[in-house]
Amino acid sequence: MASASVRLDHVTRTFGDAIAVDDVSFEVQPGEFLTMLGPSGCGKTTLLRIIAGFIDPSGGDIYINDERITAVPAHKRQTGMVFQNYALFPHMTVFDNLAYGLRLRKLGRPDIASKVDEALALIRLDGYGDRYPRQLSGGQQQRVALARAIIINPDVLLLDEPLSNLDYKLRLAMRNEIRRIQRDTGITTVFVTHDQAEALTMSDRIVILSHGRIMQIGRPTDVYENPSNKFVADFIGEANFFDGTVVASDASEVAIALGPLTLYAPLNGEAPQVGAKASFSVRPERLRIQPDGAGREAQRNVYAARVEDHDYLGAVVRYYLRLGDGLMVKADEHNVSGIRYRSGETVSVEIPPDDCFVLPVAG
């Protein structure tokens, strides 16, 4: 199966006075699995439908393999689409659902039968050709919808939140199944989701959107470990945020005063001026909790804290800790021995400087 590049060049889409997509540009490499991620209303599904040709852009252009397709109707674009509700034909068998696009392309019966057999093997549903969609589980229907999109040999596969109707464990299984099929076929894939775990586990790269604009593009490790702004840090995973005043700064490190506390963070960009406002963040799982007094001898970013509360999450225990005169932080511990600290207990908490990231201050 051939792989294609996809390029969006300053794409905009308005609906009346509302701007759904605002000057978006990015490129999907051949064979890449790219995810568009963001909250409801951020423009990700609109962008996917613009690529498919179901919605016309108000401005900008779409290219597949450097060929401008902005004005090409949907049925003439070499794209395969999997919808959120699968959109299988209920009156057709699995075989006929898969054969539908091939018949429109005037393939002969032997070729259709061969391609359907190959598709059923690909999705691990050999022998299911005579069943109807109502006789399939949700996961099986999802796989049939995926195979129907791939069987026509499209240049690009488009997936619009295909896992949202599945229960939790089935979603986990289908993440791996979709990724396996994508890797086996090598097809260029654009995937839409609002689920950050899906994006992090399935993607080669992620485009994070908010209010129709790109907030960051990068590999899963990039957007999680080095978010470009507060929105990305807050939307991807959990984070603690701190706003304070710069009291010291050099080419590699910045010290930020948060009331009576001073926290240190590495500096990757331009050094802020002393006295300037600054914001930084750290993930809850990077904080380290120890019994009261442990590890506080002249160490940076190690403080006394009071345990205010905790959440037992099974594999993880989250503690809510109060530092100094009121600064609250979240700290996650892998559950190896149950709940170690109780409300009211005093502990030491380390906020490792190398795990902090300085963020741009809005305005």
Protein backbone atom coordinates (compact mmCIF):
# COMPACT_ATOMS: atom_id res chain seq x y z
CA MET A 1 0.00 0.00 0.00
CA ALA A 2 1.41 3.39 -1.06
CA SER A 3 2.02 6.13 1.49
CA ALA A 4 1.38 9.79 0.79
CA SER A 5 2.25 13.13 2.31
CA VAL A 6 -0.49 15.55 3.39
CA ARG A 7 0.05 19.28 3.70
CA LEU A 8 -2.22 21.99 5.06
CA ASP A 9 -1.20 25.49 4.02
CA HIS A 10 -2.74 28.37 6.02
CA VAL A 11 -6.12 26.66 6.26
CA THR A 12 -8.97 28.68 7.75
CA ARG A 13 -12.64 27.82 8.21
CA THR A 14 -15.37 30.11 9.48
CA PHE A 15 -19.03 29.42 10.20
CA GLY A 16 -20.69 32.81 10.14
CA ASP A 17 -18.81 34.95 12.64
CA ALA A 18 -17.29 31.90 14.39
CA ILE A 19 -13.72 30.90 13.50
CA ALA A 20 -13.44 27.11 13.71
CA VAL A 21 -9.97 26.82 12.15
CA ASP A 22 -7.56 29.75 12.27
CA ASP A 23 -4.60 29.79 9.85
CA VAL A 24 -3.45 26.19 10.40
CA SER A 25 -0.38 24.83 8.60
CA PHE A 26 1.35 21.47 9.08
CA GLU A 27 2.57 18.48 7.07
CA VAL A 28 2.05 14.74 7.56
CA GLN A 29 4.95 12.63 6.34
CA PRO A 30 4.40 9.47 4.23
CA GLY A 31 3.60 6.53 6.49
CA GLU A 32 3.27 8.73 9.58
CA PHE A 33 0.62 8.34 12.27
CA LEU A 34 -0.28 11.91 13.18
CA THR A 35 -2.89 12.77 15.81
CA MET A 36 -4.87 15.99 16.09
CA LEU A 37 -5.60 16.42 19.79
CA GLY A 38 -7.59 18.99 21.68
CA PRO A 39 -10.75 19.71 23.66
CA SER A 40 -14.23 19.78 22.15
CA GLY A 41 -14.67 22.69 19.77
CA CYS A 42 -10.95 23.15 19.06
CA GLY A 43 -11.34 22.51 15.30
CA LYS A 44 -9.78 19.06 14.98
CA THR A 45 -12.80 17.30 13.41
CA THR A 46 -13.38 20.28 11.12
CA LEU A 47 -9.79 19.96 9.91
CA LEU A 48 -10.20 16.22 9.33
CA ARG A 49 -13.35 16.82 7.28
CA ILE A 50 -11.56 19.51 5.30
CA ILE A 51 -8.83 16.98 4.42
CA ALA A 52 -11.52 14.45 3.45
CA GLY A 53 -13.32 17.01 1.29
CA PHE A 54 -16.59 17.01 3.27
CA ILE A 55 -16.06 20.66 4.24
CA ASP A 56 -14.52 23.37 2.07
CA PRO A 57 -11.94 25.65 3.69
CA SER A 58 -12.71 29.36 3.84
CA GLY A 59 -9.07 29.99 3.02
CA GLY A 60 -5.84 28.12 2.44
CA ASP A 61 -5.05 24.93 0.56
CA ILE A 62 -4.78 21.14 1.00
CA TYR A 63 -2.14 19.05 -0.76
CA ILE A 64 -1.66 15.29 -1.07
CA ASN A 65 1.74 14.32 -2.47
CA ASP A 66 2.24 18.02 -3.30
CA GLU A 67 -0.85 17.96 -5.55
CA ARG A 68 -3.35 20.68 -4.67
CA ILE A 69 -6.69 19.02 -3.93
CA THR A 70 -8.55 21.93 -2.30
CA ALA A 71 -11.25 21.94 -5.00
CA VAL A 72 -11.31 18.17 -5.61
CA PRO A 73 -14.62 16.61 -4.44
CA ALA A 74 -14.52 14.08 -1.61
CA HIS A 75 -15.29 11.02 -3.75
CA LYS A 76 -12.33 11.77 -6.02
CA ARG A 77 -9.80 12.14 -3.22
CA GLN A 78 -7.73 9.08 -2.38
CA THR A 79 -8.74 9.09 1.28
CA GLY A 80 -10.43 6.49 3.47
CA MET A 81 -12.55 7.68 6.39
CA VAL A 82 -13.55 5.90 9.60
CA PHE A 83 -16.35 7.70 11.42
CA GLN A 84 -17.06 7.85 15.13
CA ASN A 85 -20.22 5.72 14.74
CA TYR A 86 -18.53 3.37 12.17
CA ALA A 87 -21.37 3.98 9.61
CA LEU A 88 -21.60 0.32 8.55
CA PHE A 89 -24.53 -0.61 6.33
CA PRO A 90 -26.82 -2.58 8.70
CA HIS A 91 -28.60 -4.48 5.88
CA MET A 92 -25.32 -5.73 4.39
CA THR A 93 -23.09 -8.57 5.55
CA VAL A 94 -19.51 -7.91 6.57
CA PHE A 95 -18.42 -9.18 3.13
CA ASP A 96 -20.75 -6.77 1.33
CA ASN A 97 -19.73 -3.84 3.56
CA LEU A 98 -16.12 -4.45 2.64
CA ALA A 99 -16.89 -5.09 -1.03
CA TYR A 100 -19.01 -1.95 -1.43
CA GLY A 101 -16.17 0.43 -2.37
CA LEU A 102 -14.55 -2.15 -4.62
CA ARG A 103 -17.79 -2.65 -6.57
CA LEU A 104 -18.03 1.12 -7.09
CA ARG A 105 -14.57 0.90 -8.61
CA LYS A 106 -15.77 -1.82 -11.02
CA LEU A 107 -13.49 -4.61 -9.79
CA GLY A 108 -14.33 -8.13 -10.88
CA ARG A 109 -15.76 -10.73 -8.52
CA PRO A 110 -12.53 -12.74 -8.13
CA ASP A 111 -10.55 -9.60 -7.26
CA ILE A 112 -13.23 -8.46 -4.81
CA ALA A 113 -13.33 -11.85 -3.08
CA SER A 114 -9.54 -11.91 -2.82
CA LYS A 115 -9.28 -8.39 -1.42
CA VAL A 116 -12.07 -9.00 1.11
CA ASP A 117 -10.34 -12.17 2.31
CA GLU A 118 -7.08 -10.22 2.72
CA ALA A 119 -8.87 -7.46 4.64
CA LEU A 120 -10.58 -9.94 6.98
CA ALA A 121 -7.23 -11.56 7.68
CA LEU A 122 -5.68 -8.16 8.35
CA ILE A 123 -8.30 -7.32 10.99
CA ARG A 124 -8.31 -10.90 12.36
CA LEU A 125 -11.93 -11.60 11.47
CA ASP A 126 -11.46 -14.55 9.10
CA GLY A 127 -14.77 -16.38 8.67
CA TYR A 128 -16.94 -13.38 9.66
CA GLY A 129 -17.91 -12.42 6.11
CA ASP A 130 -21.47 -13.77 6.34
CA ARG A 131 -22.33 -11.94 9.57
CA TYR A 132 -24.28 -8.71 9.83
CA PRO A 133 -23.12 -5.68 11.87
CA ARG A 134 -25.75 -6.40 14.56
CA GLN A 135 -24.07 -9.77 15.13
CA LEU A 136 -20.71 -8.16 15.91
CA SER A 137 -19.32 -6.64 19.08
CA GLY A 138 -18.38 -2.97 19.15
CA GLY A 139 -14.72 -3.78 18.69
CA GLN A 140 -15.46 -6.06 15.74
CA GLN A 141 -17.62 -3.39 14.09
CA GLN A 142 -14.80 -0.91 14.58
CA ARG A 143 -12.35 -3.24 12.85
CA VAL A 144 -14.73 -3.79 9.93
CA ALA A 145 -15.10 -0.02 9.52
CA LEU A 146 -11.31 0.28 9.52
CA ALA A 147 -10.94 -2.48 6.92
CA ARG A 148 -13.62 -0.90 4.72
CA ALA A 149 -11.63 2.33 4.67
CA ILE A 150 -8.33 0.58 3.92
CA ILE A 151 -9.57 -1.94 1.33
CA ILE A 152 -9.92 0.71 -1.39
CA ASN A 153 -6.16 1.31 -1.10
CA PRO A 154 -6.36 5.01 -0.17
CA ASP A 155 -3.36 7.32 -0.01
CA VAL A 156 -4.45 8.59 3.41
CA LEU A 157 -6.49 7.08 6.24
CA LEU A 158 -8.61 9.49 8.31
CA LEU A 159 -9.95 8.42 11.72
CA ASP A 160 -12.53 10.53 13.56
CA GLU A 161 -12.51 9.45 17.23
CA PRO A 162 -13.17 5.80 16.32
CA LEU A 163 -12.64 4.52 19.89
CA SER A 164 -14.97 6.86 21.75
CA ASN A 165 -17.92 4.42 21.76
CA LEU A 166 -15.95 1.51 23.23
CA ASP A 167 -15.58 0.59 26.88
CA TYR A 168 -12.26 1.22 28.62
CA LYS A 169 -10.60 -2.18 28.23
CA LEU A 170 -11.73 -2.57 24.65
CA ARG A 171 -10.38 0.91 23.86
CA LEU A 172 -7.00 -0.16 25.18
CA ALA A 173 -7.04 -3.29 23.02
CA MET A 174 -8.16 -1.40 19.92
CA ARG A 175 -5.42 1.22 20.31
CA ASN A 176 -2.89 -1.54 19.79
CA GLU A 177 -4.93 -3.10 16.98
CA ILE A 178 -5.20 0.13 15.00
CA ARG A 179 -1.52 0.85 15.45
CA ARG A 180 -0.63 -2.69 14.34
CA ILE A 181 -2.76 -2.40 11.21
CA GLN A 182 -1.31 1.02 10.42
CA ARG A 183 2.23 -0.30 10.74
CA ASP A 184 1.46 -3.43 8.73
CA THR A 185 0.02 -1.40 5.87
CA GLY A 186 2.32 1.63 6.15
CA ILE A 187 -0.59 3.93 5.33
CA THR A 188 -0.35 7.62 6.18
CA THR A 189 -2.86 8.19 8.99
CA VAL A 190 -4.48 11.27 10.51
CA PHE A 191 -6.27 10.48 13.77
CA VAL A 192 -8.59 12.76 15.74
CA THR A 193 -9.14 12.38 19.47
CA HIS A 194 -9.70 14.35 22.66
CA ASP A 195 -8.15 11.52 24.69
CA GLN A 196 -4.56 12.37 25.61
CA ALA A 197 -3.69 8.75 26.46
CA GLU A 198 -4.68 7.65 22.93
CA ALA A 199 -2.57 10.41 21.44
CA LEU A 200 0.49 9.64 23.57
CA THR A 201 0.42 5.88 23.00
CA MET A 202 -0.50 5.74 19.30
CA SER A 203 1.13 8.72 17.60
CA ASP A 204 4.38 9.41 15.81
CA ARG A 205 3.59 13.12 16.25
CA ILE A 206 0.79 15.13 17.85
CA VAL A 207 -0.78 18.41 16.75
CA ILE A 208 -2.34 20.08 19.80
CA LEU A 209 -5.14 22.51 19.00
CA SER A 210 -7.06 25.12 20.97
CA HIS A 211 -9.68 27.51 19.58
CA GLY A 212 -8.77 26.54 16.03
CA ARG A 213 -5.05 27.29 16.43
CA ILE A 214 -1.99 25.07 16.76
CA MET A 215 -0.50 25.21 20.25
CA GLN A 216 2.34 22.75 19.63
CA ILE A 217 3.45 20.03 17.21
CA GLY A 218 5.86 17.33 18.32
CA ARG A 219 6.51 13.75 19.28
CA PRO A 220 4.63 12.47 22.34
CA THR A 221 7.77 12.83 24.47
CA ASP A 222 8.28 16.40 23.25
CA VAL A 223 4.81 17.68 24.10
CA TYR A 224 4.78 15.93 27.47
CA GLU A 225 8.33 16.67 28.64
CA ASN A 226 8.71 20.12 27.04
CA PRO A 227 5.30 21.79 26.62
CA SER A 228 5.48 25.08 24.77
CA ASN A 229 2.93 26.89 26.94
CA LYS A 230 0.61 26.52 29.91
CA PHE A 231 -2.29 25.20 27.83
CA VAL A 232 -0.22 22.26 26.55
CA ALA A 233 1.25 21.53 29.99
CA ASP A 234 -2.24 21.52 31.50
CA PHE A 235 -3.99 19.59 28.71
CA ILE A 236 -1.39 16.84 28.33
CA GLY A 237 -1.26 14.91 31.59
CA GLU A 238 -1.38 16.52 35.03
CA ALA A 239 0.80 19.40 36.16
CA ASN A 240 1.55 21.71 39.07
CA PHE A 241 1.82 25.39 38.10
CA PHE A 242 3.73 28.07 39.97
CA ASP A 243 3.72 31.82 39.34
CA GLY A 244 6.35 33.99 40.97
CA THR A 245 9.11 36.55 40.56
CA VAL A 246 12.59 35.95 39.18
CA VAL A 247 15.22 36.54 41.88
CA ALA A 248 18.22 35.11 40.03
CA SER A 249 18.91 34.03 36.46
CA ASP A 250 21.77 32.89 34.28
CA ALA A 251 22.20 30.98 31.03
CA SER A 252 21.27 27.63 32.54
CA GLU A 253 19.03 28.22 35.57
CA VAL A 254 16.42 30.54 36.96
CA ALA A 255 15.40 31.03 40.61
CA ILE A 256 11.79 32.02 41.21
CA ALA A 257 10.44 33.34 44.50
CA LEU A 258 7.01 32.04 45.47
CA GLY A 259 6.30 33.95 48.65
CA PRO A 260 8.82 32.76 51.26
CA LEU A 261 9.95 29.85 49.07
CA THR A 262 12.50 29.90 46.28
CA LEU A 263 12.35 27.25 43.58
CA TYR A 264 14.97 26.55 40.93
CA ALA A 265 14.35 25.42 37.35
CA PRO A 266 16.56 24.86 34.29
CA LEU A 267 16.41 27.48 31.57
CA ASN A 268 16.26 26.41 27.93
CA GLY A 269 15.35 29.72 26.35
CA GLU A 270 16.20 33.38 26.87
CA ALA A 271 17.06 34.26 30.47
CA PRO A 272 14.38 36.45 32.11
CA GLN A 273 15.31 39.63 33.91
CA VAL A 274 15.54 39.67 37.69
CA GLY A 275 12.27 41.08 38.98
CA ALA A 276 10.25 39.79 36.03
CA LYS A 277 7.21 37.59 36.50
CA ALA A 278 7.74 33.93 35.67
CA SER A 279 5.74 30.72 35.60
CA PHE A 280 6.91 27.14 35.67
CA SER A 281 5.46 23.69 36.01
CA VAL A 282 6.32 20.18 37.18
CA ARG A 283 4.49 16.87 36.75
CA PRO A 284 3.05 15.29 39.94
CA GLU A 285 4.85 12.00 39.32
CA ARG A 286 8.22 13.80 39.39
CA LEU A 287 7.83 14.99 42.99
CA ARG A 288 9.42 12.81 45.66
CA ILE A 289 7.97 12.44 49.14
CA GLN A 290 10.00 11.28 52.15
CA PRO A 291 9.30 11.10 55.89
CA ASP A 292 9.55 14.38 57.80
CA GLY A 293 13.06 15.82 57.87
CA ALA A 294 14.55 13.42 55.33
CA GLY A 295 16.74 14.95 52.65
CA ARG A 296 16.25 18.63 53.54
CA GLU A 297 19.83 19.40 54.49
CA ALA A 298 20.83 22.33 52.27
CA GLN A 299 19.21 20.81 49.16
CA ARG A 300 17.54 22.89 46.51
CA ASN A 301 13.80 22.50 46.02
CA VAL A 302 13.34 20.30 49.11
CA TYR A 303 10.75 21.57 51.59
CA ALA A 304 8.67 20.63 54.57
CA ALA A 305 5.05 19.98 53.64
CA ARG A 306 1.81 19.05 55.33
CA VAL A 307 -0.35 16.28 53.86
CA GLU A 308 -3.80 17.79 53.32
CA ASP A 309 -5.50 14.89 51.56
CA HIS A 310 -4.95 11.97 49.21
CA ASP A 311 -6.69 10.11 46.38
CA TYR A 312 -6.29 6.35 46.13
CA LEU A 313 -6.19 5.61 42.38
CA GLY A 314 -5.14 1.97 42.47
CA ALA A 315 -1.77 1.92 40.74
CA VAL A 316 -1.04 5.45 41.98
CA VAL A 317 -1.67 7.37 45.20
CA ARG A 318 -1.99 11.14 44.76
CA TYR A 319 -1.13 13.34 47.72
CA TYR A 320 -2.16 16.97 48.13
CA LEU A 321 0.61 18.78 49.97
CA ARG A 322 0.76 22.28 51.45
CA LEU A 323 4.17 23.98 51.34
CA GLY A 324 5.11 27.06 53.32
CA ASP A 325 2.26 29.48 53.96
CA GLY A 326 -0.21 27.95 51.55
CA LEU A 327 1.35 26.73 48.29
CA MET A 328 -0.48 23.53 47.27
CA VAL A 329 1.09 20.84 45.12
CA LYS A 330 0.02 17.44 43.81
CA ALA A 331 2.45 14.55 44.16
CA ASP A 332 1.92 11.05 42.72
CA GLU A 333 3.52 7.92 44.11
CA HIS A 334 3.51 4.51 42.47
CA ASN A 335 1.53 2.23 44.78
CA VAL A 336 3.94 -0.35 46.14
CA SER A 337 2.79 -0.35 49.77
CA GLY A 338 -0.61 1.32 49.89
CA ILE A 339 -1.22 4.75 51.44
CA ARG A 340 2.01 5.77 53.16
CA TYR A 341 1.06 9.22 54.47
CA ARG A 342 -2.11 10.44 56.16
CA SER A 343 -3.81 13.84 56.40
CA GLY A 344 -2.08 16.10 58.91
CA GLU A 345 1.27 14.34 58.64
CA THR A 346 4.41 16.40 57.98
CA VAL A 347 6.70 15.15 55.21
CA SER A 348 9.60 16.33 53.08
CA VAL A 349 8.88 16.91 49.39
CA GLU A 350 11.49 17.34 46.67
CA ILE A 351 10.67 19.21 43.47
CA PRO A 352 13.62 18.11 41.29
CA PRO A 353 14.93 21.20 39.42
CA ASP A 354 15.69 19.19 36.25
CA ASP A 355 12.05 18.10 36.05
CA CYS A 356 10.68 21.66 36.11
CA PHE A 357 10.02 23.61 32.93
CA VAL A 358 9.71 27.38 32.65
CA LEU A 359 6.64 28.57 30.73
CA PRO A 360 5.88 31.78 28.87
CA VAL A 361 3.82 34.21 30.94
CA ALA A 362 0.63 35.27 29.17
CA GLY A 363 0.70 38.97 28.32
